[in-house]
Amino acid sequence: QVHLAESGGGLVQAGGSLRLSCAASGSISSNNAMGWYRQAPGKQRELAAVIRSGGSTNYGDSVKGRFTISRDSAKNTVYLQMNSLKPEDTALYYCWTSPVVKPYNSWGQGTQVTVSS
């Protein structure tokens, strides 16, 4: 079983920055993909960013060029640097991980990001 502990959410003005962190513990391999999804009220959960063990990344269209995902594999920690934040970035941000072989999803509890206009 994997436990994901998120931190770094909060309230920020439009144009500001936040950095989210997620530390994984339990049955996790450095080969796991890790990432962030987000869910705004009344909307479906969507991809923010994913990073694989080799360092390749994918970003949701709405965050490309503004968000940067990174990881410290030695610490099983993934980060999301969010710049130029917009009110539409307001959402609950969930940390996610899955093994590459025999994939299954593990989710954190979520951290709230609120961007005021």
PDB file of N, CA and C in Angstrom:
ATOM      1  N   GLN A   1       0.844  -1.185   0.000  1.00  0.00           N
ATOM      2  CA  GLN A   1       0.000   0.000   0.000  1.00  0.00           C
ATOM      3  C   GLN A   1       0.885   1.244   0.000  1.00  0.00           C
ATOM      4  N   VAL A   2       0.404   2.286  -0.690  1.00  0.00           N
ATOM      5  CA  VAL A   2       1.170   3.516  -0.817  1.00  0.00           C
ATOM      6  C   VAL A   2       0.435   4.639  -0.095  1.00  0.00           C
ATOM      7  N   HIS A   3       1.184   5.438   0.647  1.00  0.00           N
ATOM      8  CA  HIS A   3       0.617   6.622   1.291  1.00  0.00           C
ATOM      9  C   HIS A   3       1.251   7.853   0.659  1.00  0.00           C
ATOM     10  N   LEU A   4       0.384   8.809   0.262  1.00  0.00           N
ATOM     11  CA  LEU A   4       0.841  10.043  -0.367  1.00  0.00           C
ATOM     12  C   LEU A   4       0.450  11.220   0.512  1.00  0.00           C
ATOM     13  N   ALA A   5       1.427  12.035   0.887  1.00  0.00           N
ATOM     14  CA  ALA A   5       1.177  13.185   1.758  1.00  0.00           C
ATOM     15  C   ALA A   5       1.499  14.464   1.005  1.00  0.00           C
ATOM     16  N   GLU A   6       0.445  15.243   0.692  1.00  0.00           N
ATOM     17  CA  GLU A   6       0.615  16.492  -0.054  1.00  0.00           C
ATOM     18  C   GLU A   6       0.776  17.668   0.900  1.00  0.00           C
ATOM     19  N   SER A   7       1.451  18.697   0.420  1.00  0.00           N
ATOM     20  CA  SER A   7       1.568  19.949   1.157  1.00  0.00           C
ATOM     21  C   SER A   7       1.832  21.076   0.171  1.00  0.00           C
ATOM     22  N   GLY A   8       1.617  22.306   0.640  1.00  0.00           N
ATOM     23  CA  GLY A   8       1.972  23.464  -0.175  1.00  0.00           C
ATOM     24  C   GLY A   8       0.813  24.228  -0.769  1.00  0.00           C
ATOM     25  N   GLY A   9      -0.401  23.735  -0.611  1.00  0.00           N
ATOM     26  CA  GLY A   9      -1.536  24.474  -1.143  1.00  0.00           C
ATOM     27  C   GLY A   9      -1.793  25.733  -0.340  1.00  0.00           C
ATOM     28  N   GLY A  10      -2.708  26.555  -0.839  1.00  0.00           N
ATOM     29  CA  GLY A  10      -3.049  27.780  -0.123  1.00  0.00           C
ATOM     30  C   GLY A  10      -3.762  28.766  -1.003  1.00  0.00           C
ATOM     31  N   LEU A  11      -3.839  30.003  -0.506  1.00  0.00           N
ATOM     32  CA  LEU A  11      -4.506  31.095  -1.204  1.00  0.00           C
ATOM     33  C   LEU A  11      -3.439  32.025  -1.779  1.00  0.00           C
ATOM     34  N   VAL A  12      -3.595  32.368  -3.054  1.00  0.00           N
ATOM     35  CA  VAL A  12      -2.626  33.234  -3.710  1.00  0.00           C
ATOM     36  C   VAL A  12      -3.366  34.134  -4.684  1.00  0.00           C
ATOM     37  N   GLN A  13      -2.820  35.310  -4.936  1.00  0.00           N
ATOM     38  CA  GLN A  13      -3.431  36.214  -5.907  1.00  0.00           C
ATOM     39  C   GLN A  13      -3.057  35.789  -7.326  1.00  0.00           C
ATOM     40  N   ALA A  14      -3.901  36.161  -8.259  1.00  0.00           N
ATOM     41  CA  ALA A  14      -3.620  35.874  -9.665  1.00  0.00           C
ATOM     42  C   ALA A  14      -2.252  36.447 -10.044  1.00  0.00           C
ATOM     43  N   GLY A  15      -1.509  35.652 -10.801  1.00  0.00           N
ATOM     44  CA  GLY A  15      -0.155  36.029 -11.177  1.00  0.00           C
ATOM     45  C   GLY A  15       0.916  35.519 -10.237  1.00  0.00           C
ATOM     46  N   GLY A  16       0.488  35.017  -9.084  1.00  0.00           N
ATOM     47  CA  GLY A  16       1.428  34.524  -8.091  1.00  0.00           C
ATOM     48  C   GLY A  16       1.876  33.098  -8.357  1.00  0.00           C
ATOM     49  N   SER A  17       2.628  32.566  -7.391  1.00  0.00           N
ATOM     50  CA  SER A  17       3.205  31.223  -7.525  1.00  0.00           C
ATOM     51  C   SER A  17       2.976  30.413  -6.256  1.00  0.00           C
ATOM     52  N   LEU A  18       2.920  29.122  -6.427  1.00  0.00           N
ATOM     53  CA  LEU A  18       2.872  28.163  -5.325  1.00  0.00           C
ATOM     54  C   LEU A  18       3.685  26.940  -5.724  1.00  0.00           C
ATOM     55  N   ARG A  19       4.196  26.238  -4.721  1.00  0.00           N
ATOM     56  CA  ARG A  19       4.901  24.981  -4.966  1.00  0.00           C
ATOM     57  C   ARG A  19       4.264  23.885  -4.133  1.00  0.00           C
ATOM     58  N   LEU A  20       3.767  22.871  -4.794  1.00  0.00           N
ATOM     59  CA  LEU A  20       3.190  21.722  -4.108  1.00  0.00           C
ATOM     60  C   LEU A  20       4.248  20.633  -3.965  1.00  0.00           C
ATOM     61  N   SER A  21       4.159  19.913  -2.850  1.00  0.00           N
ATOM     62  CA  SER A  21       5.045  18.778  -2.614  1.00  0.00           C
ATOM     63  C   SER A  21       4.208  17.559  -2.262  1.00  0.00           C
ATOM     64  N   CYS A  22       4.695  16.386  -2.624  1.00  0.00           N
ATOM     65  CA  CYS A  22       4.021  15.136  -2.291  1.00  0.00           C
ATOM     66  C   CYS A  22       5.077  14.092  -1.965  1.00  0.00           C
ATOM     67  N   ALA A  23       5.044  13.620  -0.730  1.00  0.00           N
ATOM     68  CA  ALA A  23       5.986  12.590  -0.287  1.00  0.00           C
ATOM     69  C   ALA A  23       5.267  11.252  -0.246  1.00  0.00           C
ATOM     70  N   ALA A  24       5.845  10.269  -0.901  1.00  0.00           N
ATOM     71  CA  ALA A  24       5.262   8.931  -0.953  1.00  0.00           C
ATOM     72  C   ALA A  24       5.990   8.001  -0.002  1.00  0.00           C
ATOM     73  N   SER A  25       5.224   7.140   0.632  1.00  0.00           N
ATOM     74  CA  SER A  25       5.797   6.131   1.511  1.00  0.00           C
ATOM     75  C   SER A  25       5.039   4.818   1.330  1.00  0.00           C
ATOM     76  N   GLY A  26       5.641   3.737   1.854  1.00  0.00           N
ATOM     77  CA  GLY A  26       5.010   2.426   1.709  1.00  0.00           C
ATOM     78  C   GLY A  26       5.591   1.654   0.543  1.00  0.00           C
ATOM     79  N   SER A  27       4.749   0.910  -0.134  1.00  0.00           N
ATOM     80  CA  SER A  27       5.188   0.014  -1.210  1.00  0.00           C
ATOM     81  C   SER A  27       5.292   0.774  -2.527  1.00  0.00           C
ATOM     82  N   ILE A  28       6.297   1.605  -2.626  1.00  0.00           N
ATOM     83  CA  ILE A  28       6.496   2.386  -3.838  1.00  0.00           C
ATOM     84  C   ILE A  28       7.900   2.165  -4.360  1.00  0.00           C
ATOM     85  N   SER A  29       8.010   2.090  -5.675  1.00  0.00           N
ATOM     86  CA  SER A  29       9.286   1.918  -6.340  1.00  0.00           C
ATOM     87  C   SER A  29       9.704   3.223  -6.992  1.00  0.00           C
ATOM     88  N   SER A  30      11.005   3.398  -7.149  1.00  0.00           N
ATOM     89  CA  SER A  30      11.502   4.573  -7.861  1.00  0.00           C
ATOM     90  C   SER A  30      11.107   4.530  -9.335  1.00  0.00           C
ATOM     91  N   ASN A  31      10.610   3.373  -9.799  1.00  0.00           N
ATOM     92  CA  ASN A  31      10.150   3.258 -11.181  1.00  0.00           C
ATOM     93  C   ASN A  31       8.713   3.738 -11.362  1.00  0.00           C
ATOM     94  N   ASN A  32       8.036   4.006 -10.265  1.00  0.00           N
ATOM     95  CA  ASN A  32       6.656   4.504 -10.372  1.00  0.00           C
ATOM     96  C   ASN A  32       6.602   5.815 -11.145  1.00  0.00           C
ATOM     97  N   ALA A  33       5.537   5.984 -11.933  1.00  0.00           N
ATOM     98  CA  ALA A  33       5.197   7.312 -12.420  1.00  0.00           C
ATOM     99  C   ALA A  33       4.530   8.066 -11.265  1.00  0.00           C
ATOM    100  N   MET A  34       4.745   9.370 -11.211  1.00  0.00           N
ATOM    101  CA  MET A  34       4.127  10.210 -10.180  1.00  0.00           C
ATOM    102  C   MET A  34       3.591  11.469 -10.842  1.00  0.00           C
ATOM    103  N   GLY A  35       2.613  12.074 -10.200  1.00  0.00           N
ATOM    104  CA  GLY A  35       2.084  13.283 -10.822  1.00  0.00           C
ATOM    105  C   GLY A  35       1.016  13.953 -10.002  1.00  0.00           C
ATOM    106  N   TRP A  36       0.362  14.899 -10.667  1.00  0.00           N
ATOM    107  CA  TRP A  36      -0.675  15.716 -10.040  1.00  0.00           C
ATOM    108  C   TRP A  36      -1.890  15.790 -10.962  1.00  0.00           C
ATOM    109  N   TYR A  37      -3.047  15.588 -10.370  1.00  0.00           N
ATOM    110  CA  TYR A  37      -4.315  15.834 -11.024  1.00  0.00           C
ATOM    111  C   TYR A  37      -5.035  16.909 -10.211  1.00  0.00           C
ATOM    112  N   ARG A  38      -6.027  17.528 -10.833  1.00  0.00           N
ATOM    113  CA  ARG A  38      -6.787  18.540 -10.100  1.00  0.00           C
ATOM    114  C   ARG A  38      -8.268  18.428 -10.428  1.00  0.00           C
ATOM    115  N   GLN A  39      -9.077  18.878  -9.482  1.00  0.00           N
ATOM    116  CA  GLN A  39     -10.523  18.838  -9.670  1.00  0.00           C
ATOM    117  C   GLN A  39     -11.136  20.113  -9.114  1.00  0.00           C
ATOM    118  N   ALA A  40     -11.754  20.864  -9.995  1.00  0.00           N
ATOM    119  CA  ALA A  40     -12.464  22.081  -9.597  1.00  0.00           C
ATOM    120  C   ALA A  40     -13.911  21.719  -9.282  1.00  0.00           C
ATOM    121  N   PRO A  41     -14.595  22.539  -8.482  1.00  0.00           N
ATOM    122  CA  PRO A  41     -15.998  22.244  -8.124  1.00  0.00           C
ATOM    123  C   PRO A  41     -16.858  22.088  -9.372  1.00  0.00           C
ATOM    124  N   GLY A  42     -17.610  20.994  -9.421  1.00  0.00           N
ATOM    125  CA  GLY A  42     -18.513  20.765 -10.528  1.00  0.00           C
ATOM    126  C   GLY A  42     -17.855  20.270 -11.796  1.00  0.00           C
ATOM    127  N   LYS A  43     -16.561  19.998 -11.747  1.00  0.00           N
ATOM    128  CA  LYS A  43     -15.843  19.542 -12.932  1.00  0.00           C
ATOM    129  C   LYS A  43     -15.184  18.191 -12.681  1.00  0.00           C
ATOM    130  N   GLN A  44     -14.817  17.530 -13.778  1.00  0.00           N
ATOM    131  CA  GLN A  44     -14.130  16.254 -13.658  1.00  0.00           C
ATOM    132  C   GLN A  44     -12.666  16.456 -13.274  1.00  0.00           C
ATOM    133  N   ARG A  45     -12.121  15.426 -12.661  1.00  0.00           N
ATOM    134  CA  ARG A  45     -10.699  15.451 -12.344  1.00  0.00           C
ATOM    135  C   ARG A  45      -9.910  15.447 -13.659  1.00  0.00           C
ATOM    136  N   GLU A  46      -8.868  16.287 -13.721  1.00  0.00           N
ATOM    137  CA  GLU A  46      -8.077  16.386 -14.939  1.00  0.00           C
ATOM    138  C   GLU A  46      -6.588  16.352 -14.642  1.00  0.00           C
ATOM    139  N   LEU A  47      -5.829  15.967 -15.647  1.00  0.00           N
ATOM    140  CA  LEU A  47      -4.386  15.915 -15.504  1.00  0.00           C
ATOM    141  C   LEU A  47      -3.801  17.318 -15.392  1.00  0.00           C
ATOM    142  N   ALA A  48      -2.916  17.487 -14.407  1.00  0.00           N
ATOM    143  CA  ALA A  48      -2.094  18.690 -14.368  1.00  0.00           C
ATOM    144  C   ALA A  48      -0.713  18.353 -14.951  1.00  0.00           C
ATOM    145  N   ALA A  49      -0.057  17.362 -14.350  1.00  0.00           N
ATOM    146  CA  ALA A  49       1.275  16.984 -14.840  1.00  0.00           C
ATOM    147  C   ALA A  49       1.663  15.614 -14.315  1.00  0.00           C
ATOM    148  N   VAL A  50       2.431  14.888 -15.119  1.00  0.00           N
ATOM    149  CA  VAL A  50       2.934  13.570 -14.748  1.00  0.00           C
ATOM    150  C   VAL A  50       4.411  13.504 -15.094  1.00  0.00           C
ATOM    151  N   ILE A  51       5.171  12.802 -14.266  1.00  0.00           N
ATOM    152  CA  ILE A  51       6.589  12.578 -14.543  1.00  0.00           C
ATOM    153  C   ILE A  51       6.919  11.103 -14.329  1.00  0.00           C
ATOM    154  N   ARG A  52       7.687  10.533 -15.260  1.00  0.00           N
ATOM    155  CA  ARG A  52       8.052   9.133 -15.179  1.00  0.00           C
ATOM    156  C   ARG A  52       9.454   8.977 -14.610  1.00  0.00           C
ATOM    157  N   SER A  53       9.830   7.757 -14.326  1.00  0.00           N
ATOM    158  CA  SER A  53      11.111   7.520 -13.669  1.00  0.00           C
ATOM    159  C   SER A  53      12.277   8.010 -14.517  1.00  0.00           C
ATOM    160  N   GLY A  54      12.129   7.969 -15.824  1.00  0.00           N
ATOM    161  CA  GLY A  54      13.207   8.433 -16.698  1.00  0.00           C
ATOM    162  C   GLY A  54      13.249   9.937 -16.869  1.00  0.00           C
ATOM    163  N   GLY A  55      12.259  10.616 -16.313  1.00  0.00           N
ATOM    164  CA  GLY A  55      12.226  12.076 -16.366  1.00  0.00           C
ATOM    165  C   GLY A  55      11.297  12.661 -17.410  1.00  0.00           C
ATOM    166  N   SER A  56      10.697  11.815 -18.249  1.00  0.00           N
ATOM    167  CA  SER A  56       9.768  12.352 -19.245  1.00  0.00           C
ATOM    168  C   SER A  56       8.516  12.874 -18.553  1.00  0.00           C
ATOM    169  N   THR A  57       7.929  13.906 -19.131  1.00  0.00           N
ATOM    170  CA  THR A  57       6.790  14.574 -18.514  1.00  0.00           C
ATOM    171  C   THR A  57       5.642  14.768 -19.503  1.00  0.00           C
ATOM    172  N   ASN A  58       4.453  14.906 -18.950  1.00  0.00           N
ATOM    173  CA  ASN A  58       3.273  15.310 -19.711  1.00  0.00           C
ATOM    174  C   ASN A  58       2.525  16.354 -18.899  1.00  0.00           C
ATOM    175  N   TYR A  59       1.975  17.338 -19.582  1.00  0.00           N
ATOM    176  CA  TYR A  59       1.221  18.398 -18.923  1.00  0.00           C
ATOM    177  C   TYR A  59      -0.157  18.528 -19.545  1.00  0.00           C
ATOM    178  N   GLY A  60      -1.119  18.911 -18.707  1.00  0.00           N
ATOM    179  CA  GLY A  60      -2.409  19.271 -19.237  1.00  0.00           C
ATOM    180  C   GLY A  60      -2.284  20.539 -20.074  1.00  0.00           C
ATOM    181  N   ASP A  61      -3.125  20.661 -21.095  1.00  0.00           N
ATOM    182  CA  ASP A  61      -3.012  21.796 -22.008  1.00  0.00           C
ATOM    183  C   ASP A  61      -3.132  23.135 -21.279  1.00  0.00           C
ATOM    184  N   SER A  62      -3.969  23.177 -20.273  1.00  0.00           N
ATOM    185  CA  SER A  62      -4.244  24.451 -19.603  1.00  0.00           C
ATOM    186  C   SER A  62      -3.101  24.926 -18.702  1.00  0.00           C
ATOM    187  N   VAL A  63      -2.127  24.064 -18.429  1.00  0.00           N
ATOM    188  CA  VAL A  63      -1.033  24.466 -17.527  1.00  0.00           C
ATOM    189  C   VAL A  63       0.321  24.518 -18.225  1.00  0.00           C
ATOM    190  N   LYS A  64       0.360  24.102 -19.477  1.00  0.00           N
ATOM    191  CA  LYS A  64       1.635  24.084 -20.203  1.00  0.00           C
ATOM    192  C   LYS A  64       2.258  25.475 -20.234  1.00  0.00           C
ATOM    193  N   GLY A  65       3.551  25.514 -19.958  1.00  0.00           N
ATOM    194  CA  GLY A  65       4.279  26.778 -19.959  1.00  0.00           C
ATOM    195  C   GLY A  65       4.218  27.527 -18.648  1.00  0.00           C
ATOM    196  N   ARG A  66       3.350  27.097 -17.740  1.00  0.00           N
ATOM    197  CA  ARG A  66       3.225  27.775 -16.434  1.00  0.00           C
ATOM    198  C   ARG A  66       3.597  26.873 -15.271  1.00  0.00           C
ATOM    199  N   PHE A  67       3.327  25.588 -15.384  1.00  0.00           N
ATOM    200  CA  PHE A  67       3.612  24.626 -14.310  1.00  0.00           C
ATOM    201  C   PHE A  67       4.815  23.779 -14.706  1.00  0.00           C
ATOM    202  N   THR A  68       5.593  23.398 -13.693  1.00  0.00           N
ATOM    203  CA  THR A  68       6.732  22.510 -13.909  1.00  0.00           C
ATOM    204  C   THR A  68       6.723  21.410 -12.857  1.00  0.00           C
ATOM    205  N   ILE A  69       6.776  20.174 -13.316  1.00  0.00           N
ATOM    206  CA  ILE A  69       6.809  19.037 -12.400  1.00  0.00           C
ATOM    207  C   ILE A  69       8.242  18.524 -12.304  1.00  0.00           C
ATOM    208  N   SER A  70       8.612  18.101 -11.101  1.00  0.00           N
ATOM    209  CA  SER A  70       9.937  17.520 -10.889  1.00  0.00           C
ATOM    210  C   SER A  70       9.831  16.464  -9.789  1.00  0.00           C
ATOM    211  N   ARG A  71      10.871  15.654  -9.659  1.00  0.00           N
ATOM    212  CA  ARG A  71      10.834  14.618  -8.619  1.00  0.00           C
ATOM    213  C   ARG A  71      12.227  14.394  -8.062  1.00  0.00           C
ATOM    214  N   ASP A  72      12.230  13.957  -6.811  1.00  0.00           N
ATOM    215  CA  ASP A  72      13.447  13.508  -6.144  1.00  0.00           C
ATOM    216  C   ASP A  72      13.225  12.026  -5.868  1.00  0.00           C
ATOM    217  N   SER A  73      13.744  11.176  -6.732  1.00  0.00           N
ATOM    218  CA  SER A  73      13.476   9.746  -6.621  1.00  0.00           C
ATOM    219  C   SER A  73      14.044   9.156  -5.340  1.00  0.00           C
ATOM    220  N   ALA A  74      15.145   9.691  -4.867  1.00  0.00           N
ATOM    221  CA  ALA A  74      15.735   9.181  -3.629  1.00  0.00           C
ATOM    222  C   ALA A  74      14.795   9.397  -2.441  1.00  0.00           C
ATOM    223  N   LYS A  75      13.991  10.450  -2.512  1.00  0.00           N
ATOM    224  CA  LYS A  75      13.069  10.769  -1.423  1.00  0.00           C
ATOM    225  C   LYS A  75      11.632  10.366  -1.751  1.00  0.00           C
ATOM    226  N   ASN A  76      11.413   9.769  -2.943  1.00  0.00           N
ATOM    227  CA  ASN A  76      10.049   9.431  -3.382  1.00  0.00           C
ATOM    228  C   ASN A  76       9.128  10.640  -3.247  1.00  0.00           C
ATOM    229  N   THR A  77       9.611  11.772  -3.695  1.00  0.00           N
ATOM    230  CA  THR A  77       8.864  13.021  -3.582  1.00  0.00           C
ATOM    231  C   THR A  77       8.717  13.663  -4.954  1.00  0.00           C
ATOM    232  N   VAL A  78       7.528  14.183  -5.203  1.00  0.00           N
ATOM    233  CA  VAL A  78       7.257  14.888  -6.447  1.00  0.00           C
ATOM    234  C   VAL A  78       6.812  16.301  -6.120  1.00  0.00           C
ATOM    235  N   TYR A  79       7.194  17.233  -6.977  1.00  0.00           N
ATOM    236  CA  TYR A  79       6.897  18.649  -6.763  1.00  0.00           C
ATOM    237  C   TYR A  79       6.140  19.204  -7.966  1.00  0.00           C
ATOM    238  N   LEU A  80       5.348  20.223  -7.719  1.00  0.00           N
ATOM    239  CA  LEU A  80       4.692  20.944  -8.800  1.00  0.00           C
ATOM    240  C   LEU A  80       4.888  22.433  -8.551  1.00  0.00           C
ATOM    241  N   GLN A  81       5.720  23.051  -9.364  1.00  0.00           N
ATOM    242  CA  GLN A  81       5.914  24.491  -9.297  1.00  0.00           C
ATOM    243  C   GLN A  81       4.890  25.153 -10.198  1.00  0.00           C
ATOM    244  N   MET A  82       4.059  25.997  -9.626  1.00  0.00           N
ATOM    245  CA  MET A  82       2.970  26.638 -10.355  1.00  0.00           C
ATOM    246  C   MET A  82       3.221  28.142 -10.399  1.00  0.00           C
ATOM    247  N   ASN A  83       3.427  28.659 -11.580  1.00  0.00           N
ATOM    248  CA  ASN A  83       3.672  30.080 -11.784  1.00  0.00           C
ATOM    249  C   ASN A  83       2.543  30.705 -12.596  1.00  0.00           C
ATOM    250  N   SER A  84       2.482  32.024 -12.566  1.00  0.00           N
ATOM    251  CA  SER A  84       1.466  32.761 -13.328  1.00  0.00           C
ATOM    252  C   SER A  84       0.075  32.179 -13.090  1.00  0.00           C
ATOM    253  N   LEU A  85      -0.247  31.972 -11.839  1.00  0.00           N
ATOM    254  CA  LEU A  85      -1.514  31.330 -11.498  1.00  0.00           C
ATOM    255  C   LEU A  85      -2.704  32.196 -11.893  1.00  0.00           C
ATOM    256  N   LYS A  86      -3.770  31.506 -12.296  1.00  0.00           N
ATOM    257  CA  LYS A  86      -4.995  32.161 -12.737  1.00  0.00           C
ATOM    258  C   LYS A  86      -6.152  31.697 -11.851  1.00  0.00           C
ATOM    259  N   PRO A  87      -7.215  32.479 -11.754  1.00  0.00           N
ATOM    260  CA  PRO A  87      -8.372  32.040 -10.956  1.00  0.00           C
ATOM    261  C   PRO A  87      -8.893  30.660 -11.398  1.00  0.00           C
ATOM    262  N   GLU A  88      -8.786  30.353 -12.669  1.00  0.00           N
ATOM    263  CA  GLU A  88      -9.274  29.055 -13.153  1.00  0.00           C
ATOM    264  C   GLU A  88      -8.371  27.893 -12.739  1.00  0.00           C
ATOM    265  N   ASP A  89      -7.252  28.179 -12.114  1.00  0.00           N
ATOM    266  CA  ASP A  89      -6.415  27.118 -11.541  1.00  0.00           C
ATOM    267  C   ASP A  89      -6.917  26.681 -10.166  1.00  0.00           C
ATOM    268  N   THR A  90      -7.899  27.384  -9.642  1.00  0.00           N
ATOM    269  CA  THR A  90      -8.473  27.035  -8.342  1.00  0.00           C
ATOM    270  C   THR A  90      -9.061  25.633  -8.403  1.00  0.00           C
ATOM    271  N   ALA A  91      -8.596  24.765  -7.508  1.00  0.00           N
ATOM    272  CA  ALA A  91      -9.025  23.365  -7.519  1.00  0.00           C
ATOM    273  C   ALA A  91      -8.410  22.641  -6.333  1.00  0.00           C
ATOM    274  N   LEU A  92      -8.880  21.438  -6.128  1.00  0.00           N
ATOM    275  CA  LEU A  92      -8.247  20.512  -5.192  1.00  0.00           C
ATOM    276  C   LEU A  92      -7.221  19.717  -6.004  1.00  0.00           C
ATOM    277  N   TYR A  93      -5.970  19.780  -5.572  1.00  0.00           N
ATOM    278  CA  TYR A  93      -4.888  19.129  -6.305  1.00  0.00           C
ATOM    279  C   TYR A  93      -4.522  17.813  -5.613  1.00  0.00           C
ATOM    280  N   TYR A  94      -4.573  16.742  -6.389  1.00  0.00           N
ATOM    281  CA  TYR A  94      -4.329  15.397  -5.866  1.00  0.00           C
ATOM    282  C   TYR A  94      -2.991  14.869  -6.372  1.00  0.00           C
ATOM    283  N   CYS A  95      -2.228  14.345  -5.461  1.00  0.00           N
ATOM    284  CA  CYS A  95      -1.015  13.625  -5.829  1.00  0.00           C
ATOM    285  C   CYS A  95      -1.402  12.212  -6.282  1.00  0.00           C
ATOM    286  N   TRP A  96      -0.677  11.679  -7.252  1.00  0.00           N
ATOM    287  CA  TRP A  96      -0.995  10.376  -7.850  1.00  0.00           C
ATOM    288  C   TRP A  96       0.289   9.620  -8.116  1.00  0.00           C
ATOM    289  N   THR A  97       0.206   8.304  -8.017  1.00  0.00           N
ATOM    290  CA  THR A  97       1.313   7.469  -8.421  1.00  0.00           C
ATOM    291  C   THR A  97       0.796   6.122  -8.911  1.00  0.00           C
ATOM    292  N   SER A  98       1.572   5.489  -9.772  1.00  0.00           N
ATOM    293  CA  SER A  98       1.231   4.166 -10.277  1.00  0.00           C
ATOM    294  C   SER A  98       2.501   3.462 -10.720  1.00  0.00           C
ATOM    295  N   PRO A  99       2.587   2.164 -10.467  1.00  0.00           N
ATOM    296  CA  PRO A  99       3.697   1.410 -11.039  1.00  0.00           C
ATOM    297  C   PRO A  99       3.546   1.361 -12.561  1.00  0.00           C
ATOM    298  N   VAL A 100       4.648   1.185 -13.254  1.00  0.00           N
ATOM    299  CA  VAL A 100       4.598   1.048 -14.704  1.00  0.00           C
ATOM    300  C   VAL A 100       4.135  -0.364 -15.077  1.00  0.00           C
ATOM    301  N   VAL A 101       4.685  -1.353 -14.359  1.00  0.00           N
ATOM    302  CA  VAL A 101       4.280  -2.741 -14.562  1.00  0.00           C
ATOM    303  C   VAL A 101       3.117  -3.034 -13.625  1.00  0.00           C
ATOM    304  N   LYS A 102       2.083  -3.636 -14.111  1.00  0.00           N
ATOM    305  CA  LYS A 102       0.854  -3.900 -13.344  1.00  0.00           C
ATOM    306  C   LYS A 102       0.363  -2.612 -12.687  1.00  0.00           C
ATOM    307  N   PRO A 103      -0.018  -1.645 -13.491  1.00  0.00           N
ATOM    308  CA  PRO A 103      -0.395  -0.339 -12.940  1.00  0.00           C
ATOM    309  C   PRO A 103      -1.646  -0.381 -12.070  1.00  0.00           C
ATOM    310  N   TYR A 104      -1.638   0.405 -11.027  1.00  0.00           N
ATOM    311  CA  TYR A 104      -2.815   0.672 -10.213  1.00  0.00           C
ATOM    312  C   TYR A 104      -2.635   2.062  -9.624  1.00  0.00           C
ATOM    313  N   ASN A 105      -3.744   2.750  -9.437  1.00  0.00           N
ATOM    314  CA  ASN A 105      -3.693   4.144  -9.007  1.00  0.00           C
ATOM    315  C   ASN A 105      -3.704   4.259  -7.492  1.00  0.00           C
ATOM    316  N   SER A 106      -2.844   5.131  -6.979  1.00  0.00           N
ATOM    317  CA  SER A 106      -2.875   5.542  -5.579  1.00  0.00           C
ATOM    318  C   SER A 106      -3.014   7.049  -5.541  1.00  0.00           C
ATOM    319  N   TRP A 107      -3.843   7.533  -4.643  1.00  0.00           N
ATOM    320  CA  TRP A 107      -4.161   8.956  -4.574  1.00  0.00           C
ATOM    321  C   TRP A 107      -3.906   9.511  -3.188  1.00  0.00           C
ATOM    322  N   GLY A 108      -3.493  10.772  -3.148  1.00  0.00           N
ATOM    323  CA  GLY A 108      -3.429  11.488  -1.894  1.00  0.00           C
ATOM    324  C   GLY A 108      -4.792  12.049  -1.523  1.00  0.00           C
ATOM    325  N   GLN A 109      -4.846  12.729  -0.379  1.00  0.00           N
ATOM    326  CA  GLN A 109      -6.108  13.292   0.105  1.00  0.00           C
ATOM    327  C   GLN A 109      -6.456  14.593  -0.611  1.00  0.00           C
ATOM    328  N   GLY A 110      -5.467  15.226  -1.212  1.00  0.00           N
ATOM    329  CA  GLY A 110      -5.700  16.477  -1.921  1.00  0.00           C
ATOM    330  C   GLY A 110      -5.279  17.684  -1.106  1.00  0.00           C
ATOM    331  N   THR A 111      -4.814  18.712  -1.804  1.00  0.00           N
ATOM    332  CA  THR A 111      -4.480  19.981  -1.177  1.00  0.00           C
ATOM    333  C   THR A 111      -5.146  21.099  -1.974  1.00  0.00           C
ATOM    334  N   GLN A 112      -5.781  22.012  -1.276  1.00  0.00           N
ATOM    335  CA  GLN A 112      -6.569  23.052  -1.930  1.00  0.00           C
ATOM    336  C   GLN A 112      -5.680  24.200  -2.411  1.00  0.00           C
ATOM    337  N   VAL A 113      -5.882  24.580  -3.656  1.00  0.00           N
ATOM    338  CA  VAL A 113      -5.244  25.769  -4.213  1.00  0.00           C
ATOM    339  C   VAL A 113      -6.354  26.733  -4.624  1.00  0.00           C
ATOM    340  N   THR A 114      -6.295  27.943  -4.097  1.00  0.00           N
ATOM    341  CA  THR A 114      -7.283  28.966  -4.411  1.00  0.00           C
ATOM    342  C   THR A 114      -6.558  30.197  -4.941  1.00  0.00           C
ATOM    343  N   VAL A 115      -6.962  30.630  -6.140  1.00  0.00           N
ATOM    344  CA  VAL A 115      -6.346  31.795  -6.766  1.00  0.00           C
ATOM    345  C   VAL A 115      -7.397  32.893  -6.856  1.00  0.00           C
ATOM    346  N   SER A 116      -7.117  34.006  -6.202  1.00  0.00           N
ATOM    347  CA  SER A 116      -8.067  35.119  -6.205  1.00  0.00           C
ATOM    348  C   SER A 116      -7.746  36.094  -7.333  1.00  0.00           C
ATOM    349  N   SER A 117      -8.800  36.713  -7.853  1.00  0.00           N
ATOM    350  CA  SER A 117      -8.603  37.660  -8.976  1.00  0.00           C
ATOM    351  C   SER A 117      -8.353  39.068  -8.478  1.00  0.00           C
TER     352      SER A 117
END
